[in-house]
Every structure is written in structure tokens, then in C-alpha cells.
Amino acid sequence: MRILKSCECLLVSGMLFVLGNCQKESKSVSCDHQVSINNCGANPIKIDAREGEGVCWQPSDQDYTIAFSDSSEPMANPLLVKHGTPNAAHLIKGHRGCVPLGRGQFYCEYSVTKGNEDLACADPGIHIIP
């Protein structure tokens, strides 16, 4: 009987330990730069941003896909941004695939594509500054 109770306590303690370690602290990215999309046009066309800042795309008329030339920088992409709901901010974490402008600055052009279409309708960009 004593062994059975010890096994139960050990089992419960182990489960609590495992479940306690599964909880991850989620960091939310703040929306430092807002880009609105309407009729396939992004506004503003170009934003000045720093690595570590967040960008939010908010379409007003339909869903769009945002894609950079590199699938992991300046942020993981392509991104599907939906109209009618708030879209999360996306963290700028690099500049691979971007055009160097000198003095630590880069220009990262991205494409805006309607819904499931293949042809991009706009090519705005993010200017990454030091």
C-alpha cells in the first residue's frame, strides 16, 4: 500500500513538472509601423524601420500575401494578411536579400499579391536604418 501511494505521488509530481516546463513565455511584437493596403496599393509605400521593430500590414478590401526575396529575412515570409481582422506585427530580424545602401542601411522590397493570384500588384519596401 505504501509503495502504491509513493508511486502515485511520484507520477503526479512528474506530470506537474513536465506540464510546468511546457508553458512558454510568449513575447508579443509591438506594431511600430502600420502599412495599410487598399486596391492593391500599400500606404506608406516605403517605411523607415530598425531591426527589432514590428511592422503591421492591414488590408481593408481583401486578403493579400506579402513576400520578400528571402523567405526568412527581414522577417519570416510569405505572410498572409487578412482583411476585416487585426493582423499581428511581424518582427524585423535581418536584411539578407535586401539592397545595401551604405552606412548600415538596406532597402528591402516586398511584393503585395491579391488573395491567391500569382502576379504581384505592388512592390513597396522597408528601409532598414541603423
Protein backbone atom coordinates (compact mmCIF):
# COMPACT_ATOMS: atom_id res chain seq x y z
CA MET A 1 0.00 0.00 0.00
CA ARG A 2 2.82 2.37 0.91
CA ILE A 3 4.57 1.58 -2.40
CA LEU A 4 1.38 2.30 -4.34
CA LYS A 5 0.96 5.74 -2.68
CA SER A 6 4.64 6.54 -3.32
CA CYS A 7 4.23 5.62 -6.99
CA GLU A 8 1.12 7.80 -7.28
CA CYS A 9 2.91 10.76 -5.71
CA LEU A 10 5.91 10.26 -7.97
CA LEU A 11 3.68 10.02 -11.05
CA VAL A 12 1.70 13.16 -10.15
CA SER A 13 4.89 15.09 -9.33
CA GLY A 14 6.43 14.06 -12.64
CA MET A 15 3.37 15.15 -14.60
CA LEU A 16 3.29 18.54 -12.86
CA PHE A 17 7.00 19.04 -13.56
CA VAL A 18 6.58 18.23 -17.26
CA LEU A 19 3.45 20.37 -17.66
CA GLY A 20 5.07 23.26 -15.80
CA ASN A 21 8.02 23.24 -18.20
CA CYS A 22 5.76 23.18 -21.27
CA GLN A 23 4.44 26.67 -20.69
CA LYS A 24 6.44 29.09 -22.80
CA GLU A 25 6.51 32.77 -22.24
CA SER A 26 5.16 34.38 -25.40
CA LYS A 27 6.64 37.69 -26.42
CA SER A 28 4.31 39.88 -28.37
CA VAL A 29 5.79 42.09 -31.05
CA SER A 30 4.65 45.69 -30.93
CA CYS A 31 3.34 47.34 -34.06
CA ASP A 32 5.89 50.11 -34.60
CA HIS A 33 4.94 50.67 -38.26
CA GLN A 34 1.45 50.43 -39.79
CA VAL A 35 1.03 49.75 -43.50
CA SER A 36 -2.49 49.87 -44.92
CA ILE A 37 -3.34 48.05 -48.14
CA ASN A 38 -6.27 49.02 -50.34
CA ASN A 39 -6.93 48.21 -54.01
CA CYS A 40 -3.50 46.51 -54.14
CA GLY A 41 -1.61 49.60 -53.03
CA ALA A 42 0.44 49.88 -49.85
CA ASN A 43 0.45 53.10 -47.84
CA PRO A 44 3.02 54.26 -46.98
CA ILE A 45 4.93 52.93 -49.96
CA LYS A 46 8.20 52.94 -48.01
CA ILE A 47 8.77 52.86 -44.25
CA ASP A 48 11.95 53.57 -42.29
CA ALA A 49 12.43 50.88 -39.65
CA ARG A 50 15.11 49.39 -37.43
CA GLU A 51 15.89 45.75 -36.76
CA GLY A 52 13.85 44.64 -33.74
CA GLU A 53 10.83 46.77 -34.67
CA GLY A 54 7.47 45.35 -35.78
CA VAL A 55 5.53 46.00 -38.97
CA CYS A 56 1.75 45.51 -39.29
CA TRP A 57 0.03 45.19 -42.65
CA GLN A 58 -3.70 45.82 -42.57
CA PRO A 59 -5.71 45.32 -45.78
CA SER A 60 -9.12 46.96 -45.99
CA ASP A 61 -10.65 45.32 -49.07
CA GLN A 62 -9.42 41.69 -49.37
CA ASP A 63 -6.68 39.28 -48.27
CA TYR A 64 -3.13 39.79 -49.54
CA THR A 65 0.19 37.97 -49.48
CA ILE A 66 3.37 39.85 -48.57
CA ALA A 67 6.64 38.31 -49.82
CA PHE A 68 10.30 39.34 -49.68
CA SER A 69 13.07 37.89 -51.87
CA ASP A 70 14.48 35.96 -48.88
CA SER A 71 11.99 33.71 -47.08
CA SER A 72 13.48 34.33 -43.62
CA GLU A 73 14.57 37.97 -43.63
CA PRO A 74 13.84 40.71 -42.90
CA MET A 75 11.09 38.53 -41.39
CA ALA A 76 9.72 35.04 -41.99
CA ASN A 77 7.56 35.18 -45.10
CA PRO A 78 5.43 34.96 -47.22
CA LEU A 79 2.78 36.45 -44.96
CA LEU A 80 -0.93 36.13 -45.49
CA VAL A 81 -2.63 39.26 -44.15
CA LYS A 82 -6.39 39.15 -43.84
CA HIS A 83 -8.86 41.98 -44.15
CA GLY A 84 -11.53 42.50 -41.53
CA THR A 85 -9.38 41.26 -38.63
CA PRO A 86 -6.36 42.76 -36.87
CA ASN A 87 -3.11 41.27 -38.16
CA ALA A 88 -0.18 40.60 -35.84
CA ALA A 89 3.03 42.60 -36.04
CA HIS A 90 5.99 40.97 -37.79
CA LEU A 91 9.46 41.46 -36.31
CA ILE A 92 12.28 42.78 -38.50
CA LYS A 93 15.19 40.49 -37.73
CA GLY A 94 17.68 40.92 -40.57
CA HIS A 95 18.39 42.23 -44.04
CA ARG A 96 19.50 39.26 -46.14
CA GLY A 97 18.13 39.60 -49.68
CA CYS A 98 17.92 43.38 -49.33
CA VAL A 99 19.84 46.01 -51.29
CA PRO A 100 22.68 47.61 -49.28
CA LEU A 101 22.56 51.41 -49.36
CA GLY A 102 25.72 52.08 -47.33
CA ARG A 103 26.20 53.30 -43.75
CA GLY A 104 24.44 50.19 -42.41
CA GLN A 105 21.22 50.90 -44.31
CA PHE A 106 19.29 48.46 -46.52
CA TYR A 107 16.27 48.60 -48.78
CA CYS A 108 14.03 45.51 -48.64
CA GLU A 109 11.50 45.45 -51.45
CA TYR A 110 8.48 43.21 -50.98
CA SER A 111 5.63 42.19 -53.20
CA VAL A 112 1.93 42.58 -52.48
CA THR A 113 -0.25 39.96 -54.16
CA LYS A 114 -4.05 39.74 -54.09
CA GLY A 115 -5.51 36.63 -52.45
CA ASN A 116 -4.37 33.55 -54.33
CA GLU A 117 -3.21 35.32 -57.50
CA ASP A 118 0.30 34.73 -58.85
CA LEU A 119 1.18 38.17 -60.19
CA ALA A 120 2.22 40.86 -57.70
CA CYS A 121 0.32 44.11 -57.91
CA ALA A 122 2.67 46.35 -55.91
CA ASP A 123 6.35 46.41 -54.89
CA PRO A 124 6.75 48.72 -51.91
CA GLY A 125 9.62 48.38 -49.45
CA ILE A 126 11.12 48.66 -45.99
CA HIS A 127 14.13 50.90 -45.50
CA ILE A 128 16.16 49.40 -42.63
CA ILE A 129 18.18 52.05 -40.83
CA PRO A 130 20.82 51.66 -38.09
